[in-house]
Amino acid sequence: MKRYAILMASFAFLLGLSNLAYTEELGSTADEKIVTELNLMPGEATADESEPTSEANITDDSDVTTPVVLSPQEKTAVSLYEGIMDIVNAKINASSCFIMRGKYQITLFATGADDQRKQNNMVSAKLPGNTTYLLAGANYENMPDASGVYVVSTRGPTSYEFTPIDIYRAIYTFDGAGEMMSMTGNLELRDFISVTHRFSTLAITNFSNNSSDEIQEEYVTNIGWGMSSLSNQKFPHSKYWERIKFQRHSNDQGRTILVRDLLTLPTSCRITIDTTGYNNTDFISQQGHITVESAIPGDPVDELNP
């Protein structure tokens, strides 16, 4: 109960700083810094398929102990997934949940390392009418007791590929224990009649660890829950209840699930990311689907059941 109170108080504080985060911390200077961190040129960033990510080139040290809190690659993965969630939320806000409902393919690869190619921390999602790409990079400046991740949008492998996402940039900060994540960000997108919608985003999520009872090394599950919000200058905040589940097994196989429920009734909407694949001490490589459907927060979530 104490942790819940701290979480809610922190989230309320973040909401109060929404405009400040939008105009100052993530202004043009931060944007240029993010681009520099990821070794990208503004307007020229591409998901270069001529340099495919090779899992074979990433060594697997069997002597490394499976971490019991969020690993660097899991921090990067959850940041990229959260970014896709923000974009889906913005699309829903610009249209409706009914228009966005469906199932869409998503693919992620993340090493969590800041000294590798930008394509080694990337997610792509085939959303209606386009494929959205996000890149991530580590941020350790002025964070001696924590860690952070930059997430930015980029264009597809072909320069003529249309994308309605003009800007997405966000900073995800994790505490030293890996038990709390906070985020501030902003995004701009164009709808089907080329009207630009500008949003600021906030989120705070708490994580806890739950290992298997019989053999602790058999699997590790990290459960996260919290809230996120989406706002612009014309409309009040759209708030979402968020639940996350990271599960990694001793055989390197894993599953990642994120669920967001819109908390504005009578409107009902649920966004679910469900991916499976590798999750080990060197990288995460998973693919699956984003599902948008009508549901209220109290409806059961089968994907979160053991």
C-alpha atoms as a PDB file:
ATOM      1  CA  MET A   1       0.000   0.000   0.000  1.00  0.00           C
ATOM      2  CA  LYS A   2       2.883   2.352   0.792  1.00  0.00           C
ATOM      3  CA  ARG A   3       4.472   1.678  -2.599  1.00  0.00           C
ATOM      4  CA  TYR A   4       1.127   2.313  -4.304  1.00  0.00           C
ATOM      5  CA  ALA A   5       0.802   5.682  -2.521  1.00  0.00           C
ATOM      6  CA  ILE A   6       4.316   6.673  -3.576  1.00  0.00           C
ATOM      7  CA  LEU A   7       3.578   5.632  -7.151  1.00  0.00           C
ATOM      8  CA  MET A   8       0.373   7.672  -7.353  1.00  0.00           C
ATOM      9  CA  ALA A   9       1.988  10.725  -5.747  1.00  0.00           C
ATOM     10  CA  SER A  10       4.879  10.531  -8.193  1.00  0.00           C
ATOM     11  CA  PHE A  11       2.517  10.229 -11.136  1.00  0.00           C
ATOM     12  CA  ALA A  12       0.506  13.238  -9.962  1.00  0.00           C
ATOM     13  CA  PHE A  13       3.731  15.219  -9.696  1.00  0.00           C
ATOM     14  CA  LEU A  14       4.696  14.236 -13.247  1.00  0.00           C
ATOM     15  CA  LEU A  15       1.305  15.328 -14.546  1.00  0.00           C
ATOM     16  CA  GLY A  16       1.852  18.725 -12.973  1.00  0.00           C
ATOM     17  CA  LEU A  17       5.113  19.066 -14.895  1.00  0.00           C
ATOM     18  CA  SER A  18       3.599  18.076 -18.238  1.00  0.00           C
ATOM     19  CA  ASN A  19       3.935  21.465 -19.927  1.00  0.00           C
ATOM     20  CA  LEU A  20       7.419  22.007 -18.528  1.00  0.00           C
ATOM     21  CA  ALA A  21       8.594  18.609 -19.795  1.00  0.00           C
ATOM     22  CA  TYR A  22       7.106  19.305 -23.197  1.00  0.00           C
ATOM     23  CA  THR A  23       8.666  22.731 -23.736  1.00  0.00           C
ATOM     24  CA  GLU A  24      11.994  22.556 -21.948  1.00  0.00           C
ATOM     25  CA  GLU A  25      13.431  19.110 -21.251  1.00  0.00           C
ATOM     26  CA  LEU A  26      12.464  17.755 -24.653  1.00  0.00           C
ATOM     27  CA  GLY A  27      12.867  20.909 -26.717  1.00  0.00           C
ATOM     28  CA  SER A  28      14.968  21.340 -29.837  1.00  0.00           C
ATOM     29  CA  THR A  29      18.226  21.142 -27.857  1.00  0.00           C
ATOM     30  CA  ALA A  30      17.279  17.756 -26.403  1.00  0.00           C
ATOM     31  CA  ASP A  31      16.182  16.608 -29.852  1.00  0.00           C
ATOM     32  CA  GLU A  32      19.580  17.447 -31.340  1.00  0.00           C
ATOM     33  CA  LYS A  33      21.272  15.705 -28.410  1.00  0.00           C
ATOM     34  CA  ILE A  34      19.214  12.564 -28.891  1.00  0.00           C
ATOM     35  CA  VAL A  35      20.063  12.509 -32.592  1.00  0.00           C
ATOM     36  CA  THR A  36      23.749  12.966 -31.770  1.00  0.00           C
ATOM     37  CA  GLU A  37      23.626  10.187 -29.121  1.00  0.00           C
ATOM     38  CA  LEU A  38      22.271   7.771 -31.714  1.00  0.00           C
ATOM     39  CA  ASN A  39      24.737   8.944 -34.380  1.00  0.00           C
ATOM     40  CA  LEU A  40      21.916  10.068 -36.660  1.00  0.00           C
ATOM     41  CA  MET A  41      21.600  13.067 -38.963  1.00  0.00           C
ATOM     42  CA  PRO A  42      18.315  14.987 -38.559  1.00  0.00           C
ATOM     43  CA  GLY A  43      15.880  14.024 -41.289  1.00  0.00           C
ATOM     44  CA  GLU A  44      18.195  11.322 -42.632  1.00  0.00           C
ATOM     45  CA  ALA A  45      17.801   8.540 -40.052  1.00  0.00           C
ATOM     46  CA  THR A  46      16.800   5.243 -41.633  1.00  0.00           C
ATOM     47  CA  ALA A  47      16.332   1.689 -40.537  1.00  0.00           C
ATOM     48  CA  ASP A  48      19.061   0.438 -42.857  1.00  0.00           C
ATOM     49  CA  GLU A  49      18.258  -3.064 -44.066  1.00  0.00           C
ATOM     50  CA  SER A  50      21.658  -3.209 -45.796  1.00  0.00           C
ATOM     51  CA  GLU A  51      23.121  -3.796 -42.317  1.00  0.00           C
ATOM     52  CA  PRO A  52      20.939  -6.563 -40.897  1.00  0.00           C
ATOM     53  CA  THR A  53      21.277  -7.344 -37.248  1.00  0.00           C
ATOM     54  CA  SER A  54      23.162 -10.557 -36.746  1.00  0.00           C
ATOM     55  CA  GLU A  55      22.374 -12.484 -33.602  1.00  0.00           C
ATOM     56  CA  ALA A  56      25.322 -14.771 -34.405  1.00  0.00           C
ATOM     57  CA  ASN A  57      27.725 -11.855 -33.829  1.00  0.00           C
ATOM     58  CA  ILE A  58      26.541 -11.380 -30.256  1.00  0.00           C
ATOM     59  CA  THR A  59      28.318 -13.712 -27.875  1.00  0.00           C
ATOM     60  CA  ASP A  60      26.433 -15.676 -25.276  1.00  0.00           C
ATOM     61  CA  ASP A  61      28.297 -16.076 -21.982  1.00  0.00           C
ATOM     62  CA  SER A  62      26.746 -19.063 -20.251  1.00  0.00           C
ATOM     63  CA  ASP A  63      28.519 -18.123 -17.018  1.00  0.00           C
ATOM     64  CA  VAL A  64      26.549 -14.900 -16.600  1.00  0.00           C
ATOM     65  CA  THR A  65      23.913 -15.170 -13.878  1.00  0.00           C
ATOM     66  CA  THR A  66      20.371 -14.341 -14.961  1.00  0.00           C
ATOM     67  CA  PRO A  67      19.539 -10.925 -13.460  1.00  0.00           C
ATOM     68  CA  VAL A  68      16.738 -10.745 -10.914  1.00  0.00           C
ATOM     69  CA  VAL A  69      15.703  -7.184 -11.835  1.00  0.00           C
ATOM     70  CA  LEU A  70      15.171  -5.585 -15.228  1.00  0.00           C
ATOM     71  CA  SER A  71      18.242  -6.237 -17.350  1.00  0.00           C
ATOM     72  CA  PRO A  72      19.710  -3.492 -19.609  1.00  0.00           C
ATOM     73  CA  GLN A  73      18.130  -5.104 -22.657  1.00  0.00           C
ATOM     74  CA  GLU A  74      14.760  -5.353 -20.870  1.00  0.00           C
ATOM     75  CA  LYS A  75      14.937  -1.671 -19.921  1.00  0.00           C
ATOM     76  CA  THR A  76      15.570  -0.837 -23.575  1.00  0.00           C
ATOM     77  CA  ALA A  77      12.842  -3.193 -24.770  1.00  0.00           C
ATOM     78  CA  VAL A  78      10.190  -1.807 -22.413  1.00  0.00           C
ATOM     79  CA  SER A  79      11.131   1.732 -23.474  1.00  0.00           C
ATOM     80  CA  LEU A  80      10.693   0.844 -27.154  1.00  0.00           C
ATOM     81  CA  TYR A  81       7.402  -0.960 -26.494  1.00  0.00           C
ATOM     82  CA  GLU A  82       6.162   1.994 -24.448  1.00  0.00           C
ATOM     83  CA  GLY A  83       6.998   4.282 -27.365  1.00  0.00           C
ATOM     84  CA  ILE A  84       4.873   2.171 -29.731  1.00  0.00           C
ATOM     85  CA  MET A  85       2.068   2.225 -27.163  1.00  0.00           C
ATOM     86  CA  ASP A  86       2.242   6.035 -27.050  1.00  0.00           C
ATOM     87  CA  ILE A  87       1.941   6.219 -30.828  1.00  0.00           C
ATOM     88  CA  VAL A  88      -1.047   3.851 -30.852  1.00  0.00           C
ATOM     89  CA  ASN A  89      -2.656   5.945 -28.085  1.00  0.00           C
ATOM     90  CA  ALA A  90      -2.101   9.094 -30.153  1.00  0.00           C
ATOM     91  CA  LYS A  91      -3.635   7.465 -33.233  1.00  0.00           C
ATOM     92  CA  ILE A  92      -6.667   6.466 -31.179  1.00  0.00           C
ATOM     93  CA  ASN A  93      -6.952  10.006 -29.820  1.00  0.00           C
ATOM     94  CA  ALA A  94      -6.737  11.442 -33.355  1.00  0.00           C
ATOM     95  CA  SER A  95      -9.391   9.008 -34.663  1.00  0.00           C
ATOM     96  CA  SER A  96     -11.073   6.431 -32.418  1.00  0.00           C
ATOM     97  CA  CYS A  97     -10.584   3.018 -30.861  1.00  0.00           C
ATOM     98  CA  PHE A  98     -13.166   1.625 -33.293  1.00  0.00           C
ATOM     99  CA  ILE A  99     -11.135   2.790 -36.306  1.00  0.00           C
ATOM    100  CA  MET A 100      -7.863   1.481 -34.839  1.00  0.00           C
ATOM    101  CA  ARG A 101      -9.160  -1.916 -33.696  1.00  0.00           C
ATOM    102  CA  GLY A 102      -7.335  -4.908 -35.151  1.00  0.00           C
ATOM    103  CA  LYS A 103      -4.137  -6.948 -34.835  1.00  0.00           C
ATOM    104  CA  TYR A 104      -0.801  -5.613 -36.093  1.00  0.00           C
ATOM    105  CA  GLN A 105       2.640  -7.199 -36.364  1.00  0.00           C
ATOM    106  CA  ILE A 106       5.490  -5.959 -34.158  1.00  0.00           C
ATOM    107  CA  THR A 107       9.190  -6.940 -34.131  1.00  0.00           C
ATOM    108  CA  LEU A 108      11.863  -5.953 -31.605  1.00  0.00           C
ATOM    109  CA  PHE A 109      15.606  -6.452 -31.200  1.00  0.00           C
ATOM    110  CA  ALA A 110      17.473  -4.893 -28.273  1.00  0.00           C
ATOM    111  CA  THR A 111      20.916  -5.338 -26.729  1.00  0.00           C
ATOM    112  CA  GLY A 112      20.677  -2.463 -24.257  1.00  0.00           C
ATOM    113  CA  ALA A 113      24.255  -1.480 -25.147  1.00  0.00           C
ATOM    114  CA  ASP A 114      25.230   2.088 -26.023  1.00  0.00           C
ATOM    115  CA  ASP A 115      28.305   1.137 -28.063  1.00  0.00           C
ATOM    116  CA  GLN A 116      26.612  -0.768 -30.891  1.00  0.00           C
ATOM    117  CA  ARG A 117      24.799   0.134 -34.096  1.00  0.00           C
ATOM    118  CA  LYS A 118      21.515   1.956 -33.787  1.00  0.00           C
ATOM    119  CA  GLN A 119      19.743  -0.966 -35.480  1.00  0.00           C
ATOM    120  CA  ASN A 120      20.621  -3.131 -32.477  1.00  0.00           C
ATOM    121  CA  ASN A 121      18.002  -1.317 -30.403  1.00  0.00           C
ATOM    122  CA  MET A 122      14.972  -0.990 -32.647  1.00  0.00           C
ATOM    123  CA  VAL A 123      11.276  -1.847 -32.834  1.00  0.00           C
ATOM    124  CA  SER A 124       9.028  -1.833 -35.888  1.00  0.00           C
ATOM    125  CA  ALA A 125       5.242  -2.036 -35.920  1.00  0.00           C
ATOM    126  CA  LYS A 126       3.036  -2.428 -38.989  1.00  0.00           C
ATOM    127  CA  LEU A 127       0.301  -0.022 -37.993  1.00  0.00           C
ATOM    128  CA  PRO A 128      -2.586   0.885 -40.341  1.00  0.00           C
ATOM    129  CA  GLY A 129      -1.258   2.484 -43.502  1.00  0.00           C
ATOM    130  CA  ASN A 130       2.417   2.471 -42.561  1.00  0.00           C
ATOM    131  CA  THR A 131       5.230   0.817 -40.618  1.00  0.00           C
ATOM    132  CA  THR A 132       6.500   2.750 -37.592  1.00  0.00           C
ATOM    133  CA  TYR A 133      10.154   2.499 -36.534  1.00  0.00           C
ATOM    134  CA  LEU A 134      11.658   3.557 -33.196  1.00  0.00           C
ATOM    135  CA  LEU A 135      15.328   3.540 -32.158  1.00  0.00           C
ATOM    136  CA  ALA A 136      16.792   3.617 -28.646  1.00  0.00           C
ATOM    137  CA  GLY A 137      20.074   4.578 -27.037  1.00  0.00           C
ATOM    138  CA  ALA A 138      21.419   4.543 -23.492  1.00  0.00           C
ATOM    139  CA  ASN A 139      21.539   7.733 -21.424  1.00  0.00           C
ATOM    140  CA  TYR A 140      23.840   7.758 -18.396  1.00  0.00           C
ATOM    141  CA  GLU A 141      24.720  11.456 -18.172  1.00  0.00           C
ATOM    142  CA  ASN A 142      24.061  12.947 -14.720  1.00  0.00           C
ATOM    143  CA  MET A 143      22.534   9.642 -13.572  1.00  0.00           C
ATOM    144  CA  PRO A 144      25.090   8.014 -11.249  1.00  0.00           C
ATOM    145  CA  ASP A 145      22.459   6.028  -9.349  1.00  0.00           C
ATOM    146  CA  ALA A 146      20.067   5.303 -12.192  1.00  0.00           C
ATOM    147  CA  SER A 147      19.928   4.613 -15.889  1.00  0.00           C
ATOM    148  CA  GLY A 148      18.021   6.086 -18.773  1.00  0.00           C
ATOM    149  CA  VAL A 149      17.030   5.341 -22.352  1.00  0.00           C
ATOM    150  CA  TYR A 150      16.398   7.752 -25.220  1.00  0.00           C
ATOM    151  CA  VAL A 151      13.746   6.700 -27.745  1.00  0.00           C
ATOM    152  CA  VAL A 152      13.275   8.501 -31.073  1.00  0.00           C
ATOM    153  CA  SER A 153      11.305   7.869 -34.246  1.00  0.00           C
ATOM    154  CA  THR A 154      12.951   7.276 -37.620  1.00  0.00           C
ATOM    155  CA  ARG A 155      11.896   6.707 -41.196  1.00  0.00           C
ATOM    156  CA  GLY A 156      11.754   3.340 -42.894  1.00  0.00           C
ATOM    157  CA  PRO A 157      14.421   1.726 -45.106  1.00  0.00           C
ATOM    158  CA  THR A 158      13.154   3.587 -48.178  1.00  0.00           C
ATOM    159  CA  SER A 159      13.077   7.379 -48.180  1.00  0.00           C
ATOM    160  CA  TYR A 160       9.763   7.519 -50.026  1.00  0.00           C
ATOM    161  CA  GLU A 161       7.915   5.376 -47.469  1.00  0.00           C
ATOM    162  CA  PHE A 162       5.181   7.494 -45.898  1.00  0.00           C
ATOM    163  CA  THR A 163       5.036   7.787 -42.141  1.00  0.00           C
ATOM    164  CA  PRO A 164       2.503   9.896 -40.245  1.00  0.00           C
ATOM    165  CA  ILE A 165       4.905  10.193 -37.282  1.00  0.00           C
ATOM    166  CA  ASP A 166       6.706  13.518 -37.671  1.00  0.00           C
ATOM    167  CA  ILE A 167       8.320  13.394 -34.218  1.00  0.00           C
ATOM    168  CA  TYR A 168       8.547  10.961 -31.343  1.00  0.00           C
ATOM    169  CA  ARG A 169      11.130  11.548 -28.653  1.00  0.00           C
ATOM    170  CA  ALA A 170      11.061  10.424 -25.046  1.00  0.00           C
ATOM    171  CA  ILE A 171      13.358   9.902 -22.079  1.00  0.00           C
ATOM    172  CA  TYR A 172      12.814   6.834 -19.885  1.00  0.00           C
ATOM    173  CA  THR A 173      14.482   6.883 -16.463  1.00  0.00           C
ATOM    174  CA  PHE A 174      14.948   3.820 -14.221  1.00  0.00           C
ATOM    175  CA  ASP A 175      15.933   3.980 -10.570  1.00  0.00           C
ATOM    176  CA  GLY A 176      19.073   2.285  -9.308  1.00  0.00           C
ATOM    177  CA  ALA A 177      17.191  -0.767  -8.040  1.00  0.00           C
ATOM    178  CA  GLY A 178      15.381  -1.228 -11.349  1.00  0.00           C
ATOM    179  CA  GLU A 179      12.024  -1.108  -9.572  1.00  0.00           C
ATOM    180  CA  MET A 180      10.643   2.182 -10.917  1.00  0.00           C
ATOM    181  CA  MET A 181      10.442   3.715 -14.398  1.00  0.00           C
ATOM    182  CA  SER A 182       9.310   7.239 -15.285  1.00  0.00           C
ATOM    183  CA  MET A 183       8.954   8.803 -18.735  1.00  0.00           C
ATOM    184  CA  THR A 184       8.410  12.197 -20.331  1.00  0.00           C
ATOM    185  CA  GLY A 185       8.025  12.639 -24.063  1.00  0.00           C
ATOM    186  CA  ASN A 186       6.282  14.319 -26.942  1.00  0.00           C
ATOM    187  CA  LEU A 187       5.108  13.334 -30.402  1.00  0.00           C
ATOM    188  CA  GLU A 188       3.573  14.779 -33.522  1.00  0.00           C
ATOM    189  CA  LEU A 189       1.548  12.827 -36.059  1.00  0.00           C
ATOM    190  CA  ARG A 190      -0.597  13.533 -39.091  1.00  0.00           C
ATOM    191  CA  ASP A 191      -4.021  11.997 -39.538  1.00  0.00           C
ATOM    192  CA  PHE A 192      -5.585  10.747 -42.783  1.00  0.00           C
ATOM    193  CA  ILE A 193      -6.464  14.321 -43.857  1.00  0.00           C
ATOM    194  CA  SER A 194      -2.928  15.572 -43.046  1.00  0.00           C
ATOM    195  CA  VAL A 195      -3.885  17.461 -39.907  1.00  0.00           C
ATOM    196  CA  THR A 196      -0.981  17.541 -37.427  1.00  0.00           C
ATOM    197  CA  HIS A 197      -1.720  16.499 -33.840  1.00  0.00           C
ATOM    198  CA  ARG A 198       0.786  17.358 -31.100  1.00  0.00           C
ATOM    199  CA  PHE A 199       0.882  15.445 -27.825  1.00  0.00           C
ATOM    200  CA  SER A 200       2.900  15.258 -24.626  1.00  0.00           C
ATOM    201  CA  THR A 201       3.222  11.920 -22.820  1.00  0.00           C
ATOM    202  CA  LEU A 202       3.942  10.886 -19.248  1.00  0.00           C
ATOM    203  CA  ALA A 203       4.227   7.519 -17.530  1.00  0.00           C
ATOM    204  CA  ILE A 204       5.329   5.937 -14.269  1.00  0.00           C
ATOM    205  CA  THR A 205       5.567   2.195 -13.701  1.00  0.00           C
ATOM    206  CA  ASN A 206       6.588   0.063 -10.724  1.00  0.00           C
ATOM    207  CA  PHE A 207       8.294  -3.346 -11.204  1.00  0.00           C
ATOM    208  CA  SER A 208       8.570  -6.331  -8.874  1.00  0.00           C
ATOM    209  CA  ASN A 209      10.272  -9.693  -9.271  1.00  0.00           C
ATOM    210  CA  ASN A 210       8.681 -13.136  -8.913  1.00  0.00           C
ATOM    211  CA  SER A 211      10.940 -16.163  -9.448  1.00  0.00           C
ATOM    212  CA  SER A 212       9.800 -19.759  -9.801  1.00  0.00           C
ATOM    213  CA  ASP A 213       9.314 -21.497  -6.456  1.00  0.00           C
ATOM    214  CA  GLU A 214      11.084 -24.824  -6.989  1.00  0.00           C
ATOM    215  CA  ILE A 215      14.150 -23.763  -8.979  1.00  0.00           C
ATOM    216  CA  GLN A 216      14.856 -20.031  -8.951  1.00  0.00           C
ATOM    217  CA  GLU A 217      16.935 -20.240 -12.121  1.00  0.00           C
ATOM    218  CA  GLU A 218      14.159 -21.998 -14.090  1.00  0.00           C
ATOM    219  CA  TYR A 219      12.393 -18.763 -14.928  1.00  0.00           C
ATOM    220  CA  VAL A 220      12.176 -15.193 -13.717  1.00  0.00           C
ATOM    221  CA  THR A 221       9.098 -13.015 -14.075  1.00  0.00           C
ATOM    222  CA  ASN A 222       9.066  -9.238 -13.668  1.00  0.00           C
ATOM    223  CA  ILE A 223       5.631  -7.711 -13.185  1.00  0.00           C
ATOM    224  CA  GLY A 224       5.025  -4.010 -13.772  1.00  0.00           C
ATOM    225  CA  TRP A 225       1.996  -1.807 -13.213  1.00  0.00           C
ATOM    226  CA  GLY A 226       1.389   1.909 -13.359  1.00  0.00           C
ATOM    227  CA  MET A 227      -0.231   4.703 -15.322  1.00  0.00           C
ATOM    228  CA  SER A 228       0.413   6.703 -18.475  1.00  0.00           C
ATOM    229  CA  SER A 229      -1.179   9.802 -19.941  1.00  0.00           C
ATOM    230  CA  LEU A 230      -1.529  11.525 -23.287  1.00  0.00           C
ATOM    231  CA  SER A 231      -2.442  15.194 -23.568  1.00  0.00           C
ATOM    232  CA  ASN A 232      -2.437  18.141 -25.940  1.00  0.00           C
ATOM    233  CA  GLN A 233      -3.337  21.806 -25.760  1.00  0.00           C
ATOM    234  CA  LYS A 234      -7.013  21.364 -26.643  1.00  0.00           C
ATOM    235  CA  PHE A 235      -8.083  18.283 -24.698  1.00  0.00           C
ATOM    236  CA  PRO A 236      -7.614  17.023 -21.121  1.00  0.00           C
ATOM    237  CA  HIS A 237      -5.423  14.066 -20.272  1.00  0.00           C
ATOM    238  CA  SER A 238      -6.302  10.604 -21.576  1.00  0.00           C
ATOM    239  CA  LYS A 239      -5.179   8.279 -18.791  1.00  0.00           C
ATOM    240  CA  TYR A 240      -4.326   4.613 -19.166  1.00  0.00           C
ATOM    241  CA  TRP A 241      -3.858   1.866 -16.601  1.00  0.00           C
ATOM    242  CA  GLU A 242      -0.789  -0.137 -17.562  1.00  0.00           C
ATOM    243  CA  ARG A 243       0.361  -3.673 -16.773  1.00  0.00           C
ATOM    244  CA  ILE A 244       3.602  -5.305 -17.933  1.00  0.00           C
ATOM    245  CA  LYS A 245       4.962  -8.846 -17.711  1.00  0.00           C
ATOM    246  CA  PHE A 246       8.521  -9.895 -18.606  1.00  0.00           C
ATOM    247  CA  GLN A 247       9.197 -13.632 -18.388  1.00  0.00           C
ATOM    248  CA  ARG A 248      12.588 -15.153 -19.179  1.00  0.00           C
ATOM    249  CA  HIS A 249      13.435 -18.853 -18.927  1.00  0.00           C
ATOM    250  CA  SER A 250      16.729 -20.619 -18.345  1.00  0.00           C
ATOM    251  CA  ASN A 251      16.642 -21.823 -21.978  1.00  0.00           C
ATOM    252  CA  ASP A 252      16.759 -18.186 -23.238  1.00  0.00           C
ATOM    253  CA  GLN A 253      13.123 -18.231 -24.321  1.00  0.00           C
ATOM    254  CA  GLY A 254      10.903 -15.437 -23.086  1.00  0.00           C
ATOM    255  CA  ARG A 255       7.605 -13.650 -23.442  1.00  0.00           C
ATOM    256  CA  THR A 256       6.778  -9.964 -23.023  1.00  0.00           C
ATOM    257  CA  ILE A 257       3.275  -8.566 -22.491  1.00  0.00           C
ATOM    258  CA  LEU A 258       2.127  -4.956 -22.141  1.00  0.00           C
ATOM    259  CA  VAL A 259      -1.512  -3.977 -21.597  1.00  0.00           C
ATOM    260  CA  ARG A 260      -3.005  -0.487 -21.497  1.00  0.00           C
ATOM    261  CA  ASP A 261      -6.636   0.185 -20.599  1.00  0.00           C
ATOM    262  CA  LEU A 262      -8.229   3.558 -21.236  1.00  0.00           C
ATOM    263  CA  LEU A 263      -9.622   4.919 -17.959  1.00  0.00           C
ATOM    264  CA  THR A 264     -12.078   7.390 -19.518  1.00  0.00           C
ATOM    265  CA  LEU A 265     -15.574   5.912 -19.335  1.00  0.00           C
ATOM    266  CA  PRO A 266     -17.975   5.304 -21.032  1.00  0.00           C
ATOM    267  CA  THR A 267     -15.295   5.016 -23.730  1.00  0.00           C
ATOM    268  CA  SER A 268     -13.595   1.599 -23.627  1.00  0.00           C
ATOM    269  CA  CYS A 269     -10.345   0.652 -25.304  1.00  0.00           C
ATOM    270  CA  ARG A 270      -7.518  -1.824 -24.660  1.00  0.00           C
ATOM    271  CA  ILE A 271      -4.112  -2.029 -26.348  1.00  0.00           C
ATOM    272  CA  THR A 272      -2.093  -5.238 -25.859  1.00  0.00           C
ATOM    273  CA  ILE A 273       1.440  -6.042 -27.010  1.00  0.00           C
ATOM    274  CA  ASP A 274       2.275  -9.760 -26.840  1.00  0.00           C
ATOM    275  CA  THR A 275       5.649 -10.984 -28.158  1.00  0.00           C
ATOM    276  CA  THR A 276       7.717 -14.147 -27.788  1.00  0.00           C
ATOM    277  CA  GLY A 277      11.283 -15.138 -28.650  1.00  0.00           C
ATOM    278  CA  TYR A 278      14.730 -14.843 -27.112  1.00  0.00           C
ATOM    279  CA  ASN A 279      15.417 -13.045 -23.830  1.00  0.00           C
ATOM    280  CA  ASN A 280      18.894 -13.737 -22.489  1.00  0.00           C
ATOM    281  CA  THR A 281      21.789 -11.852 -20.901  1.00  0.00           C
ATOM    282  CA  ASP A 282      22.965 -10.473 -24.263  1.00  0.00           C
ATOM    283  CA  PHE A 283      19.868  -9.516 -26.234  1.00  0.00           C
ATOM    284  CA  ILE A 284      16.113  -9.669 -26.672  1.00  0.00           C
ATOM    285  CA  SER A 285      14.773 -10.729 -30.056  1.00  0.00           C
ATOM    286  CA  GLN A 286      11.001 -11.106 -30.109  1.00  0.00           C
ATOM    287  CA  GLN A 287       8.040 -10.694 -32.404  1.00  0.00           C
ATOM    288  CA  GLY A 288       4.299 -10.847 -32.027  1.00  0.00           C
ATOM    289  CA  HIS A 289       1.256  -8.610 -32.313  1.00  0.00           C
ATOM    290  CA  ILE A 290      -0.353  -5.410 -31.096  1.00  0.00           C
ATOM    291  CA  THR A 291      -4.081  -5.876 -30.521  1.00  0.00           C
ATOM    292  CA  VAL A 292      -6.493  -2.954 -30.258  1.00  0.00           C
ATOM    293  CA  GLU A 293      -9.961  -3.837 -29.037  1.00  0.00           C
ATOM    294  CA  SER A 294     -12.923  -2.576 -27.055  1.00  0.00           C
ATOM    295  CA  ALA A 295     -12.613  -3.580 -23.400  1.00  0.00           C
ATOM    296  CA  ILE A 296     -13.028  -2.026 -19.986  1.00  0.00           C
ATOM    297  CA  PRO A 297     -10.279  -2.176 -17.328  1.00  0.00           C
ATOM    298  CA  GLY A 298     -12.144  -4.822 -15.321  1.00  0.00           C
ATOM    299  CA  ASP A 299     -12.274  -7.300 -18.219  1.00  0.00           C
ATOM    300  CA  PRO A 300      -9.893 -10.271 -17.757  1.00  0.00           C
ATOM    301  CA  VAL A 301      -6.511 -10.299 -19.536  1.00  0.00           C
ATOM    302  CA  ASP A 302      -5.771 -13.877 -20.542  1.00  0.00           C
ATOM    303  CA  GLU A 303      -2.216 -13.021 -21.622  1.00  0.00           C
ATOM    304  CA  LEU A 304      -1.269 -11.990 -18.063  1.00  0.00           C
ATOM    305  CA  ASN A 305      -2.382 -15.280 -16.510  1.00  0.00           C
ATOM    306  CA  PRO A 306       0.398 -17.769 -15.615  1.00  0.00           C
END
